[in-house]
Structures are given as C-alpha cells and as structure tokens.
N, C-alpha and C. Protein backbone atom coordinates (compact mmCIF):
# COMPACT_ATOMS: atom_id res chain seq x y z
N MET A 1 3.53 -62.03 -5.68
CA MET A 1 3.63 -60.58 -5.68
C MET A 1 2.99 -59.99 -6.94
N ARG A 2 3.28 -60.59 -8.09
CA ARG A 2 2.70 -60.09 -9.35
C ARG A 2 1.19 -60.21 -9.35
N GLU A 3 0.71 -61.29 -8.75
CA GLU A 3 -0.73 -61.50 -8.69
C GLU A 3 -1.40 -60.41 -7.84
N GLU A 4 -0.77 -60.03 -6.75
CA GLU A 4 -1.30 -58.98 -5.89
C GLU A 4 -1.30 -57.64 -6.61
N ILE A 5 -0.25 -57.36 -7.36
CA ILE A 5 -0.17 -56.12 -8.13
C ILE A 5 -1.28 -56.10 -9.18
N GLY A 6 -1.48 -57.22 -9.85
CA GLY A 6 -2.55 -57.33 -10.85
C GLY A 6 -3.92 -57.10 -10.25
N MET A 7 -4.15 -57.65 -9.07
CA MET A 7 -5.44 -57.47 -8.39
C MET A 7 -5.62 -56.01 -7.97
N LEU A 8 -4.54 -55.39 -7.51
CA LEU A 8 -4.59 -53.99 -7.11
C LEU A 8 -4.90 -53.09 -8.31
N LYS A 9 -4.27 -53.36 -9.45
CA LYS A 9 -4.53 -52.59 -10.66
C LYS A 9 -5.98 -52.73 -11.08
N THR A 10 -6.49 -53.97 -11.05
CA THR A 10 -7.88 -54.22 -11.44
C THR A 10 -8.84 -53.47 -10.52
N ALA A 11 -8.57 -53.50 -9.22
CA ALA A 11 -9.43 -52.80 -8.26
C ALA A 11 -9.36 -51.29 -8.48
N THR A 12 -8.17 -50.78 -8.76
CA THR A 12 -8.01 -49.34 -9.00
C THR A 12 -8.75 -48.92 -10.25
N ILE A 13 -8.65 -49.69 -11.30
CA ILE A 13 -9.34 -49.38 -12.56
C ILE A 13 -10.85 -49.42 -12.36
N ALA A 14 -11.34 -50.40 -11.63
CA ALA A 14 -12.77 -50.50 -11.37
C ALA A 14 -13.26 -49.29 -10.57
N THR A 15 -12.49 -48.88 -9.57
CA THR A 15 -12.85 -47.71 -8.76
C THR A 15 -12.87 -46.45 -9.60
N GLN A 16 -11.84 -46.28 -10.43
CA GLN A 16 -11.77 -45.09 -11.28
C GLN A 16 -12.89 -45.09 -12.31
N SER A 17 -13.24 -46.23 -12.84
CA SER A 17 -14.34 -46.31 -13.81
C SER A 17 -15.66 -45.91 -13.16
N LYS A 18 -15.88 -46.37 -11.93
CA LYS A 18 -17.10 -46.01 -11.21
C LYS A 18 -17.14 -44.51 -10.91
N GLU A 19 -16.01 -43.96 -10.50
CA GLU A 19 -15.93 -42.52 -10.23
C GLU A 19 -16.18 -41.72 -11.50
N MET A 20 -15.62 -42.16 -12.62
CA MET A 20 -15.82 -41.46 -13.88
C MET A 20 -17.28 -41.53 -14.31
N GLU A 21 -17.91 -42.67 -14.11
CA GLU A 21 -19.33 -42.81 -14.44
C GLU A 21 -20.17 -41.85 -13.59
N THR A 22 -19.84 -41.75 -12.33
CA THR A 22 -20.57 -40.83 -11.43
C THR A 22 -20.36 -39.38 -11.87
N LEU A 23 -19.14 -39.02 -12.21
CA LEU A 23 -18.86 -37.65 -12.66
C LEU A 23 -19.58 -37.33 -13.97
N MET A 24 -19.59 -38.26 -14.91
CA MET A 24 -20.27 -38.04 -16.18
C MET A 24 -21.78 -37.88 -15.96
N SER A 25 -22.33 -38.65 -15.06
CA SER A 25 -23.75 -38.54 -14.74
C SER A 25 -24.05 -37.17 -14.12
N THR A 26 -23.18 -36.71 -13.24
CA THR A 26 -23.35 -35.41 -12.60
C THR A 26 -23.26 -34.28 -13.63
N ILE A 27 -22.30 -34.38 -14.54
CA ILE A 27 -22.15 -33.37 -15.59
C ILE A 27 -23.39 -33.31 -16.47
N LEU A 28 -23.88 -34.47 -16.87
CA LEU A 28 -25.08 -34.51 -17.71
C LEU A 28 -26.27 -33.90 -16.97
N ASP A 29 -26.41 -34.22 -15.70
CA ASP A 29 -27.50 -33.65 -14.91
C ASP A 29 -27.41 -32.13 -14.86
N LEU A 30 -26.22 -31.61 -14.61
CA LEU A 30 -26.03 -30.15 -14.55
C LEU A 30 -26.30 -29.50 -15.90
N GLN A 31 -25.86 -30.13 -16.99
CA GLN A 31 -26.13 -29.58 -18.31
C GLN A 31 -27.62 -29.54 -18.59
N MET A 32 -28.31 -30.59 -18.27
CA MET A 32 -29.75 -30.63 -18.53
C MET A 32 -30.49 -29.61 -17.67
N ARG A 33 -30.07 -29.43 -16.43
CA ARG A 33 -30.72 -28.42 -15.58
C ARG A 33 -30.50 -27.01 -16.12
N SER A 34 -29.30 -26.74 -16.63
CA SER A 34 -29.02 -25.41 -17.15
C SER A 34 -29.77 -25.14 -18.45
N MET A 35 -30.12 -26.18 -19.18
CA MET A 35 -30.82 -26.01 -20.46
C MET A 35 -32.34 -26.10 -20.29
N ARG A 36 -32.81 -26.38 -19.11
CA ARG A 36 -34.22 -26.65 -18.87
C ARG A 36 -35.14 -25.54 -19.38
N HIS A 37 -34.74 -24.32 -19.23
CA HIS A 37 -35.61 -23.20 -19.59
C HIS A 37 -35.17 -22.49 -20.86
N ASN A 38 -34.41 -23.16 -21.68
CA ASN A 38 -33.92 -22.56 -22.92
C ASN A 38 -34.73 -23.03 -24.11
N MET A 39 -34.90 -22.14 -25.06
CA MET A 39 -35.53 -22.47 -26.32
C MET A 39 -34.57 -22.04 -27.43
N LEU A 40 -34.41 -22.88 -28.43
CA LEU A 40 -33.53 -22.56 -29.55
C LEU A 40 -34.38 -22.45 -30.82
N PHE A 41 -34.14 -21.39 -31.59
CA PHE A 41 -34.83 -21.19 -32.86
C PHE A 41 -33.78 -21.20 -33.96
N TYR A 42 -34.06 -21.93 -35.02
CA TYR A 42 -33.12 -22.05 -36.13
C TYR A 42 -33.72 -21.45 -37.40
N ASN A 43 -32.83 -20.97 -38.27
CA ASN A 43 -33.21 -20.47 -39.60
C ASN A 43 -34.27 -19.38 -39.53
N SER A 44 -34.13 -18.53 -38.58
CA SER A 44 -35.09 -17.44 -38.41
C SER A 44 -34.54 -16.18 -39.06
N LYS A 45 -35.30 -15.62 -39.99
CA LYS A 45 -34.88 -14.38 -40.64
C LYS A 45 -35.48 -13.19 -39.91
N GLU A 46 -34.69 -12.15 -39.77
CA GLU A 46 -35.16 -10.93 -39.10
C GLU A 46 -35.28 -9.81 -40.13
N GLU A 47 -36.25 -8.95 -39.89
CA GLU A 47 -36.35 -7.75 -40.70
C GLU A 47 -35.22 -6.82 -40.30
N GLN A 48 -34.90 -5.87 -41.14
CA GLN A 48 -33.76 -4.99 -40.91
C GLN A 48 -33.81 -4.28 -39.56
N GLU A 49 -34.97 -3.77 -39.19
CA GLU A 49 -35.09 -3.00 -37.94
C GLU A 49 -35.60 -3.85 -36.77
N GLU A 50 -35.70 -5.14 -36.96
CA GLU A 50 -36.28 -6.01 -35.95
C GLU A 50 -35.20 -6.47 -34.96
N THR A 51 -35.56 -6.52 -33.69
CA THR A 51 -34.63 -7.01 -32.67
C THR A 51 -34.85 -8.51 -32.45
N CYS A 52 -33.92 -9.12 -31.80
CA CYS A 52 -34.01 -10.55 -31.53
C CYS A 52 -35.27 -10.90 -30.72
N PRO A 53 -35.57 -10.19 -29.63
CA PRO A 53 -36.80 -10.51 -28.90
C PRO A 53 -38.07 -10.32 -29.74
N GLN A 54 -38.09 -9.31 -30.59
CA GLN A 54 -39.25 -9.10 -31.46
C GLN A 54 -39.41 -10.27 -32.43
N ASN A 55 -38.30 -10.77 -32.93
CA ASN A 55 -38.33 -11.88 -33.86
C ASN A 55 -38.88 -13.14 -33.19
N VAL A 56 -38.45 -13.40 -31.97
CA VAL A 56 -38.94 -14.58 -31.25
C VAL A 56 -40.44 -14.42 -30.96
N GLN A 57 -40.85 -13.25 -30.54
CA GLN A 57 -42.27 -13.01 -30.26
C GLN A 57 -43.10 -13.20 -31.53
N LYS A 58 -42.59 -12.74 -32.65
CA LYS A 58 -43.31 -12.90 -33.93
C LYS A 58 -43.44 -14.39 -34.28
N ALA A 59 -42.38 -15.15 -34.02
CA ALA A 59 -42.42 -16.58 -34.33
C ALA A 59 -43.43 -17.31 -33.46
N LEU A 60 -43.65 -16.81 -32.26
CA LEU A 60 -44.57 -17.48 -31.34
C LEU A 60 -46.00 -16.96 -31.40
N THR A 61 -46.26 -15.95 -32.21
CA THR A 61 -47.58 -15.33 -32.28
C THR A 61 -48.67 -16.36 -32.58
N ALA A 62 -48.40 -17.27 -33.47
CA ALA A 62 -49.40 -18.28 -33.84
C ALA A 62 -49.41 -19.46 -32.87
N SER A 63 -48.53 -19.45 -31.91
CA SER A 63 -48.40 -20.57 -30.99
C SER A 63 -49.41 -20.47 -29.85
N LYS A 64 -49.84 -21.61 -29.35
CA LYS A 64 -50.76 -21.62 -28.21
C LYS A 64 -50.05 -21.24 -26.91
N TYR A 65 -48.71 -21.17 -26.93
CA TYR A 65 -47.93 -20.83 -25.75
C TYR A 65 -47.58 -19.35 -25.66
N GLU A 66 -47.98 -18.60 -26.63
CA GLU A 66 -47.57 -17.20 -26.72
C GLU A 66 -47.80 -16.42 -25.43
N SER A 67 -48.97 -16.51 -24.86
CA SER A 67 -49.28 -15.71 -23.68
C SER A 67 -48.67 -16.27 -22.39
N GLN A 68 -48.15 -17.48 -22.45
CA GLN A 68 -47.60 -18.11 -21.26
C GLN A 68 -46.09 -17.91 -21.12
N LEU A 69 -45.46 -17.32 -22.12
CA LEU A 69 -44.01 -17.21 -22.12
C LEU A 69 -43.53 -15.83 -21.66
N MET A 70 -42.50 -15.86 -20.85
CA MET A 70 -41.82 -14.63 -20.46
C MET A 70 -40.34 -14.82 -20.79
N PHE A 71 -39.72 -13.77 -21.29
CA PHE A 71 -38.31 -13.86 -21.68
C PHE A 71 -37.45 -13.10 -20.69
N ASN A 72 -36.46 -13.76 -20.19
CA ASN A 72 -35.48 -13.10 -19.33
C ASN A 72 -34.45 -12.40 -20.22
N SER A 73 -33.97 -13.11 -21.21
CA SER A 73 -33.06 -12.53 -22.19
C SER A 73 -33.12 -13.36 -23.46
N VAL A 74 -32.86 -12.72 -24.58
CA VAL A 74 -32.87 -13.39 -25.88
C VAL A 74 -31.56 -13.04 -26.57
N HIS A 75 -30.89 -14.07 -27.08
CA HIS A 75 -29.59 -13.85 -27.71
C HIS A 75 -29.52 -14.50 -29.08
N ARG A 76 -28.79 -13.89 -29.95
CA ARG A 76 -28.52 -14.42 -31.27
C ARG A 76 -27.17 -15.13 -31.20
N THR A 77 -27.09 -16.36 -31.69
CA THR A 77 -25.83 -17.10 -31.64
C THR A 77 -25.03 -17.00 -32.93
N VAL A 78 -25.66 -16.55 -33.97
CA VAL A 78 -24.99 -16.36 -35.26
C VAL A 78 -25.29 -14.95 -35.75
N PRO A 79 -24.57 -14.45 -36.71
CA PRO A 79 -24.86 -13.11 -37.23
C PRO A 79 -26.30 -13.01 -37.77
N ARG A 80 -26.82 -11.81 -37.77
CA ARG A 80 -28.18 -11.55 -38.26
C ARG A 80 -28.37 -12.08 -39.68
N ARG A 81 -29.49 -12.76 -39.89
CA ARG A 81 -29.85 -13.25 -41.23
C ARG A 81 -30.99 -12.39 -41.74
N VAL A 82 -30.72 -11.62 -42.76
CA VAL A 82 -31.75 -10.76 -43.35
C VAL A 82 -32.11 -11.27 -44.71
C-alpha cells in the first residue's frame, strides 16, 4: 500500500511539474509578444518645455530608423529629468 502511495505521489509531482513548465513557457511567450513593439530609453534628459514624444524623436534624429518609426503612445516611467 505504501509503495502504491509513493508511486502515486511521484506521478502527481511529475504531472504538476510538466504543467508548471507549460504554464511558465506560455507566460514567457505572452510577455515577449506584449513587449515586441516596445522601445525603452534610459537616462534621457528633457528640456523644460519638451514633451516625452518630442524627446524620443530628438533621440532618434541621428538614427537610420528615424523615418521608419511611428509612435502609438509614449510614456515616461519615472519623473521628468531636467
């Protein structure tokens, strides 16, 4: 009887581990898909009257991708750095 219980526990743990691995893989996939079109800029200083989209556009002016980018929305994640 104890041997059967031990085998059942082992099978249950193996099943749960596989399910957890599948869930973690799904979560990672969803996170990566949601971040696919995001760009993060760090340590960017803004002029007093400058908006966040203007700041990003200024940073990309010298970039070869400047004319290929369209912004849906631009957000600041930390307070303005002047």
